[in-house]
Protein backbone atom coordinates (compact mmCIF):
# COMPACT_ATOMS: atom_id res chain seq x y z
CA MET A 1 3.01 -33.43 -11.67
CA ALA A 2 -0.31 -34.79 -10.61
CA ALA A 3 -2.65 -32.60 -8.58
CA GLU A 4 -3.08 -33.64 -4.99
CA HIS A 5 -6.61 -34.21 -3.80
CA GLY A 6 -6.55 -33.21 -0.16
CA SER A 7 -10.28 -32.52 -0.24
CA SER A 8 -11.06 -36.22 -0.50
CA GLN A 9 -9.81 -36.63 3.05
CA MET A 10 -11.76 -33.66 4.43
CA SER A 11 -15.18 -33.67 5.97
CA LYS A 12 -17.65 -31.07 4.78
CA ALA A 13 -17.12 -29.19 8.03
CA GLN A 14 -13.41 -28.91 7.29
CA VAL A 15 -13.76 -27.54 3.77
CA LYS A 16 -12.92 -23.83 3.82
CA LYS A 17 -13.60 -21.36 1.05
CA ARG A 18 -12.72 -17.74 0.56
CA SER A 19 -13.99 -15.49 -2.25
CA LEU A 20 -12.08 -12.46 -3.43
CA VAL A 21 -12.69 -9.50 -5.73
CA PHE A 22 -9.73 -7.92 -7.49
CA PHE A 23 -10.68 -4.37 -8.40
CA LEU A 24 -8.49 -3.18 -11.28
CA VAL A 25 -7.49 0.48 -11.51
CA PRO A 26 -6.25 1.68 -14.93
CA HIS A 27 -2.47 1.25 -15.36
CA PHE A 28 -2.35 -1.41 -12.63
CA THR A 29 0.92 -3.33 -12.37
CA MET A 30 0.80 -6.89 -13.69
CA LEU A 31 3.46 -8.45 -11.44
CA PRO A 32 1.73 -8.08 -8.05
CA PHE A 33 -1.68 -8.83 -9.59
CA SER A 34 -0.56 -12.06 -11.28
CA ALA A 35 1.60 -13.11 -8.32
CA ALA A 36 -1.39 -12.84 -5.99
CA ILE A 37 -3.72 -14.85 -8.23
CA GLU A 38 -1.12 -17.49 -9.08
CA THR A 39 -0.37 -18.06 -5.39
CA LEU A 40 -4.07 -18.71 -4.74
CA ARG A 41 -4.30 -20.95 -7.81
CA ILE A 42 -1.39 -23.07 -6.60
CA ALA A 43 -3.01 -23.36 -3.16
CA ASN A 44 -6.19 -24.65 -4.80
CA ARG A 45 -4.17 -27.19 -6.75
CA MET A 46 -2.42 -28.45 -3.65
CA LEU A 47 -5.72 -28.72 -1.78
CA GLY A 48 -7.49 -30.43 -4.65
CA TYR A 49 -10.54 -28.15 -4.53
CA PRO A 50 -11.26 -24.43 -5.18
CA ALA A 51 -10.74 -23.07 -1.68
CA TYR A 52 -10.08 -19.66 -3.21
CA VAL A 53 -12.38 -18.26 -5.87
CA TRP A 54 -12.12 -14.79 -7.37
CA ARG A 55 -13.56 -12.42 -9.87
CA LEU A 56 -12.21 -9.27 -11.47
CA ALA A 57 -14.03 -5.94 -11.35
CA SER A 58 -13.67 -2.46 -12.81
CA THR A 59 -15.64 0.75 -12.46
CA ASP A 60 -17.68 0.20 -15.64
CA GLY A 61 -17.27 -3.54 -16.17
CA GLU A 62 -15.07 -2.95 -19.20
CA LYS A 63 -11.55 -4.22 -19.97
CA VAL A 64 -8.78 -2.55 -17.97
CA TYR A 65 -5.30 -1.93 -19.36
CA SER A 66 -2.25 -2.56 -17.22
CA SER A 67 0.84 -0.34 -17.22
CA SER A 68 2.39 -2.78 -19.69
CA GLY A 69 -0.47 -2.21 -22.14
CA ILE A 70 -2.06 -5.63 -21.61
CA GLY A 71 -5.85 -5.49 -21.43
CA ILE A 72 -7.64 -7.68 -18.88
CA GLU A 73 -11.31 -8.60 -19.20
CA VAL A 74 -13.31 -8.33 -15.96
CA ASN A 75 -16.35 -10.13 -14.58
CA SER A 76 -18.27 -7.31 -12.97
CA SER A 77 -18.75 -3.57 -12.64
CA LEU A 78 -18.76 -1.38 -9.57
CA ALA A 79 -22.57 -1.28 -9.73
CA ASP A 80 -22.63 -5.09 -9.72
CA GLU A 81 -20.28 -5.26 -6.74
CA ARG A 82 -22.33 -2.79 -4.71
CA ARG A 83 -25.40 -4.88 -5.42
CA TYR A 84 -23.60 -8.11 -4.46
CA LEU A 85 -22.80 -6.76 -0.99
CA GLY A 86 -26.34 -7.41 0.10
CA GLY A 87 -26.55 -11.02 -1.12
CA GLU A 88 -24.87 -14.38 -1.43
CA ASN A 89 -22.26 -13.04 -3.88
CA ARG A 90 -20.72 -10.83 -1.21
CA PRO A 91 -16.95 -11.58 -1.16
CA ASN A 92 -14.78 -12.27 1.87
CA MET A 93 -12.09 -9.93 0.60
CA VAL A 94 -11.67 -7.01 -1.82
CA LEU A 95 -8.20 -6.15 -3.16
CA VAL A 96 -7.53 -2.93 -5.08
CA SER A 97 -4.86 -3.50 -7.72
CA SER A 98 -3.20 -0.36 -9.08
CA GLY A 99 0.15 0.95 -10.24
CA ILE A 100 1.45 4.11 -11.88
CA TYR A 101 -0.67 7.28 -11.98
CA VAL A 102 -2.76 6.05 -9.04
CA GLU A 103 -2.81 9.56 -7.57
CA GLU A 104 -4.93 10.60 -10.56
CA PHE A 105 -7.64 8.05 -9.80
CA HIS A 106 -10.55 9.68 -7.99
CA ASN A 107 -13.92 7.97 -7.75
CA LYS A 108 -16.35 8.70 -4.92
CA SER A 109 -18.45 5.64 -5.74
CA VAL A 110 -15.40 3.38 -5.38
CA ASN A 111 -14.61 5.03 -2.04
CA ALA A 112 -18.17 4.46 -0.82
CA TRP A 113 -18.11 0.81 -1.95
CA LEU A 114 -14.83 0.15 -0.15
CA ARG A 115 -16.14 1.74 3.07
CA GLU A 116 -19.40 -0.21 2.86
CA SER A 117 -17.52 -3.45 2.20
CA TYR A 118 -15.30 -2.90 5.23
CA ASN A 119 -18.25 -1.96 7.45
CA ARG A 120 -19.99 -5.20 6.43
CA GLY A 121 -17.03 -7.25 7.64
CA VAL A 122 -15.34 -7.78 4.27
CA ALA A 123 -11.54 -7.69 4.45
CA VAL A 124 -10.24 -4.84 2.29
CA GLY A 125 -6.75 -4.62 0.88
CA SER A 126 -4.45 -3.38 -1.85
CA LEU A 127 -1.66 -4.44 -4.17
CA CYS A 128 1.23 -2.15 -5.12
CA THR A 129 -0.01 1.47 -4.92
CA GLY A 130 -3.60 0.52 -4.06
CA ALA A 131 -3.14 1.87 -0.54
CA HIS A 132 -3.61 5.28 -2.16
CA VAL A 133 -7.19 4.34 -3.08
CA LEU A 134 -7.90 2.93 0.40
CA ALA A 135 -6.56 6.13 1.95
CA GLN A 136 -8.81 8.23 -0.29
CA ALA A 137 -11.72 6.21 1.08
CA GLY A 138 -10.65 7.10 4.63
CA LEU A 139 -9.88 3.49 5.54
CA LEU A 140 -6.24 3.99 6.52
CA ASN A 141 -6.59 6.74 9.13
CA GLY A 142 -4.63 5.52 12.14
CA LYS A 143 -3.87 2.21 10.39
CA ARG A 144 -0.51 0.65 9.56
CA CYS A 145 -0.09 0.22 5.83
CA ALA A 146 2.52 -0.52 3.17
CA ILE A 147 3.10 0.99 -0.26
CA HIS A 148 5.86 0.74 -2.84
CA TRP A 149 8.96 2.66 -1.69
CA GLU A 150 8.89 4.86 -4.78
CA ASN A 151 5.40 6.12 -3.89
CA LEU A 152 5.97 6.43 -0.17
CA PRO A 153 7.08 10.13 -0.08
CA GLY A 154 4.04 11.39 -1.99
CA PHE A 155 1.69 9.11 -0.06
CA ALA A 156 3.01 10.26 3.31
CA GLU A 157 2.53 13.90 2.36
CA ALA A 158 -0.98 13.32 0.96
CA PHE A 159 -2.25 11.12 3.81
CA PRO A 160 -0.51 12.12 7.05
CA GLN A 161 -3.10 10.27 9.17
CA ALA A 162 -2.06 6.90 7.73
CA GLU A 163 0.84 5.07 9.37
CA VAL A 164 2.76 4.12 6.24
CA TYR A 165 5.88 1.95 6.31
CA ALA A 166 8.37 0.69 3.74
CA ASP A 167 7.42 -2.89 4.66
CA LEU A 168 6.57 -5.74 2.30
CA TYR A 169 3.02 -5.88 3.60
CA GLU A 170 0.91 -4.90 6.58
CA VAL A 171 -2.22 -6.37 8.14
CA ASP A 172 -4.15 -4.08 10.50
CA SER A 173 -7.78 -4.49 11.58
CA ASN A 174 -8.86 -6.60 8.59
CA ILE A 175 -7.04 -4.27 6.16
CA TYR A 176 -4.30 -5.84 4.04
CA THR A 177 -1.80 -3.70 2.11
CA CYS A 178 1.33 -4.73 0.25
CA ALA A 179 4.11 -2.88 -1.51
CA GLY A 180 3.67 -4.59 -4.87
CA GLY A 181 6.11 -6.64 -6.90
CA THR A 182 6.58 -10.08 -5.37
CA ALA A 183 5.38 -8.80 -1.98
CA SER A 184 1.85 -9.76 -3.01
CA LEU A 185 3.00 -13.39 -3.04
CA ASP A 186 4.13 -13.00 0.58
CA MET A 187 0.85 -11.40 1.60
CA MET A 188 -1.15 -14.20 -0.04
CA LEU A 189 1.03 -16.79 1.68
CA ASN A 190 0.19 -15.08 4.96
CA LEU A 191 -3.51 -15.40 4.11
CA ILE A 192 -3.13 -19.06 3.15
CA GLY A 193 -1.28 -19.70 6.40
CA GLN A 194 -4.15 -18.18 8.38
CA ASP A 195 -6.63 -20.40 6.56
CA PHE A 196 -4.76 -23.71 6.24
CA GLY A 197 -1.52 -23.59 8.19
CA GLU A 198 2.20 -23.75 7.56
CA ASN A 199 2.26 -27.08 5.75
CA LEU A 200 0.22 -25.77 2.81
CA VAL A 201 2.28 -22.58 2.73
CA ASN A 202 5.46 -24.64 2.37
CA ARG A 203 3.97 -26.71 -0.44
CA VAL A 204 2.91 -23.57 -2.30
CA CYS A 205 6.42 -22.16 -1.89
CA GLU A 206 7.91 -25.31 -3.40
CA GLN A 207 5.63 -25.05 -6.42
CA ALA A 208 6.36 -21.34 -6.84
CA LEU A 209 10.13 -21.97 -6.56
CA THR A 210 10.52 -19.56 -3.67
CA ASP A 211 12.75 -20.75 -0.86
CA ARG A 212 11.21 -18.90 2.06
CA VAL A 213 8.26 -16.89 3.31
CA ARG A 214 9.44 -13.36 3.90
CA SER A 215 8.46 -11.46 7.02
CA PRO A 216 6.06 -8.53 6.52
CA HIS A 217 8.78 -6.26 7.89
CA ASP A 218 11.53 -7.41 5.53
CA ARG A 219 12.97 -4.46 3.63
CA GLN A 220 11.60 -3.56 0.20
CA ARG A 221 14.85 -2.22 -1.18
CA LEU A 222 18.33 -3.66 -1.25
CA PRO A 223 20.46 -2.73 1.76
CA LEU A 224 22.46 0.47 1.24
CA ARG A 225 25.67 -1.55 1.08
CA ALA A 226 24.42 -3.50 -1.94
CA ARG A 227 22.44 -0.67 -3.52
CA LEU A 228 25.31 1.82 -3.51
CA GLY A 229 28.21 -0.61 -3.71
CA VAL A 230 29.72 1.01 -0.62
CA GLN A 231 31.48 -1.04 2.06
CA ASN A 232 32.60 1.66 4.50
CA SER A 233 30.32 1.42 7.54
CA LYS A 234 30.90 5.06 8.54
CA VAL A 235 29.80 6.32 5.12
CA LEU A 236 26.73 4.07 5.19
CA SER A 237 25.70 5.31 8.65
CA ILE A 238 26.10 8.94 7.51
CA ILE A 239 23.95 8.30 4.41
CA GLU A 240 21.25 6.71 6.59
CA LEU A 241 21.37 9.80 8.80
CA MET A 242 21.00 12.04 5.76
CA GLU A 243 18.05 10.03 4.41
CA SER A 244 16.32 10.39 7.79
CA ASN A 245 16.70 14.18 7.77
CA LEU A 246 15.58 15.51 4.39
CA ALA A 247 13.01 18.13 5.42
CA GLU A 248 15.41 19.74 7.90
CA PRO A 249 18.91 18.99 6.62
CA LEU A 250 21.66 18.62 9.17
CA SER A 251 24.81 20.70 8.96
CA LEU A 252 28.09 18.95 8.25
CA LEU A 253 29.15 19.79 11.81
CA GLU A 254 26.07 18.00 13.20
CA ILE A 255 26.74 15.01 10.95
CA ALA A 256 30.38 14.93 12.01
CA ASP A 257 29.42 15.06 15.69
CA ASP A 258 26.95 12.17 15.25
CA ALA A 259 29.48 10.08 13.31
CA GLY A 260 32.35 10.79 15.68
CA LEU A 261 34.51 12.07 12.81
CA SER A 262 35.94 15.41 11.80
CA ARG A 263 34.61 17.39 8.84
CA ARG A 264 37.86 16.76 7.00
CA GLN A 265 37.55 12.99 7.53
CA ILE A 266 33.95 12.96 6.24
CA GLU A 267 34.93 15.01 3.19
CA ARG A 268 37.75 12.59 2.41
CA LEU A 269 35.61 9.48 2.90
CA PHE A 270 32.84 10.77 0.59
CA ARG A 271 35.33 11.72 -2.10
CA GLN A 272 36.79 8.21 -1.93
CA GLU A 273 33.55 6.22 -1.68
CA MET A 274 30.95 8.39 -3.45
CA GLY A 275 33.06 10.48 -5.82
CA ARG A 276 31.51 13.71 -4.56
CA SER A 277 31.39 15.88 -1.45
CA PRO A 278 28.96 15.01 1.37
CA ALA A 279 27.15 18.31 0.73
CA ARG A 280 26.66 17.41 -2.94
CA TYR A 281 25.44 13.90 -2.11
CA TYR A 282 23.01 15.28 0.50
CA LEU A 283 21.65 17.73 -2.08
CA GLU A 284 21.14 14.96 -4.63
CA ILE A 285 19.09 12.72 -2.32
CA ARG A 286 16.93 15.72 -1.30
CA LEU A 287 16.31 16.51 -4.97
CA ASP A 288 15.50 12.85 -5.64
CA ARG A 289 12.79 13.02 -2.96
CA ALA A 290 11.55 16.27 -4.49
CA ARG A 291 11.24 14.58 -7.88
CA HIS A 292 9.07 11.83 -6.39
CA LEU A 293 6.83 14.42 -4.74
CA LEU A 294 6.49 16.41 -7.97
CA VAL A 295 5.32 13.43 -10.01
CA GLN A 296 3.24 11.72 -7.31
CA SER A 297 1.40 14.61 -5.71
CA SER A 298 -0.29 17.91 -6.50
CA MET A 299 1.68 19.77 -3.84
CA PRO A 300 2.63 23.31 -4.92
CA VAL A 301 6.27 23.58 -5.93
CA VAL A 302 6.99 25.83 -2.95
CA GLU A 303 5.65 23.16 -0.57
CA VAL A 304 7.76 20.50 -2.27
CA ALA A 305 10.77 22.75 -1.77
CA VAL A 306 10.05 23.16 1.94
CA ALA A 307 9.41 19.42 2.39
CA CYS A 308 12.87 18.73 0.98
CA GLY A 309 14.72 21.29 3.06
CA PHE A 310 15.03 24.24 0.68
CA VAL A 311 14.61 27.73 2.08
CA SER A 312 13.14 29.18 -1.13
CA ALA A 313 11.41 27.98 -4.28
CA SER A 314 13.88 29.87 -6.46
CA HIS A 315 16.89 28.13 -4.91
CA PHE A 316 15.11 24.80 -5.20
CA SER A 317 14.32 25.40 -8.90
CA LYS A 318 17.92 26.40 -9.61
CA CYS A 319 19.32 23.25 -7.97
CA TYR A 320 16.69 21.05 -9.64
CA ARG A 321 17.48 22.39 -13.11
CA GLU A 322 21.22 21.94 -12.59
CA LEU A 323 20.75 18.24 -11.72
CA TYR A 324 17.92 17.21 -14.05
CA ASN A 325 18.24 19.75 -16.90
CA ARG A 326 14.64 20.81 -16.47
CA SER A 327 12.66 22.88 -14.01
CA PRO A 328 10.21 21.42 -11.45
CA GLN A 329 7.38 22.85 -13.57
CA GLN A 330 8.72 21.10 -16.68
CA GLU A 331 8.97 17.85 -14.70
CA ARG A 332 5.26 18.08 -13.93
CA ALA A 333 4.40 18.99 -17.52
CA GLU A 334 6.26 15.91 -18.80
CA ARG A 335 4.43 13.78 -16.26
CA LYS A 336 1.06 15.04 -17.51
CA LEU A 337 2.12 14.38 -21.10
CA SER A 338 3.12 10.80 -20.31
CA MET A 339 -0.23 10.26 -18.55
CA SER A 340 -2.10 11.60 -21.55
CA THR A 341 -0.13 9.30 -23.85
CA ALA A 342 -0.83 6.32 -21.59
CA ARG A 343 -4.58 6.97 -21.72
CA THR A 344 -4.51 6.55 -25.49
CA GLY A 345 -3.24 3.00 -25.04
CA VAL A 346 0.27 3.76 -26.27
CA VAL A 347 2.86 1.94 -24.18
CA ILE A 348 5.79 4.17 -23.22
């Protein structure tokens, strides 16, 4: 397939360029990072000139290892990037690319650089869990943002002033955040559409073998019906109600009243569709949320218990051990061990 040379038909005034910096956090996720860059590369190919240019940066200018153990060489250090802000190398956009263990990344110099970039009119954004880094820098207070669904519980507890949603991506006041995975492709298509219009977006989609541009508010996860393999609409509506009330669990009587069913009917439906009682299922989804909070935040165990609707830490620990065969404290210890192993470069 021959490259198309749209630039030959453009006047100099029509030629647009945008420069980006991808800041790589250790253990960043490859899929959203590569999807973002490949989308821009394809756009350049369709245009016939480098409308999008980018460089990779890290705190010290050294290679950064992804969560898959692949090391990526970078072009600049944080010190370089702070120096570039005052000159011709200042980018139009900075994107923080991160992944697992992002809650352990703390760097005041990175926070200051991100704030300074934003204050100088540079668009600032994130891929996958990078919203965590933007929130640490204070850039998401009162802003809509997106983060991967798995990290959303811990993020919401850690940064209550951010308006976080389980969307594919969000754009708010020159701040771009996406949930990771292939959502970075959608966010880049949104950017390309702003710069060059729908026609180029469609051509990029054809090259990337994607059949549509997803809306920023498309769901991250499969619908409950597909995810759980459940077809009964009453059961699905009850599960949605449960998932919306984890910190203050509803009684079965309250659930029955909302669903317009009797307790006996709900019990029978859950036994048929879920293979367990509604009380047991409710407990399991509360414990699943607790597990995410334990591994994604530094909240004390007692606060995790309260956030998931348990009246005491001892009852929470008992239920947790029964389901996962380990205590909440052991869960955290295993998390720290896996992080320590990851730092050595061993892929787990």
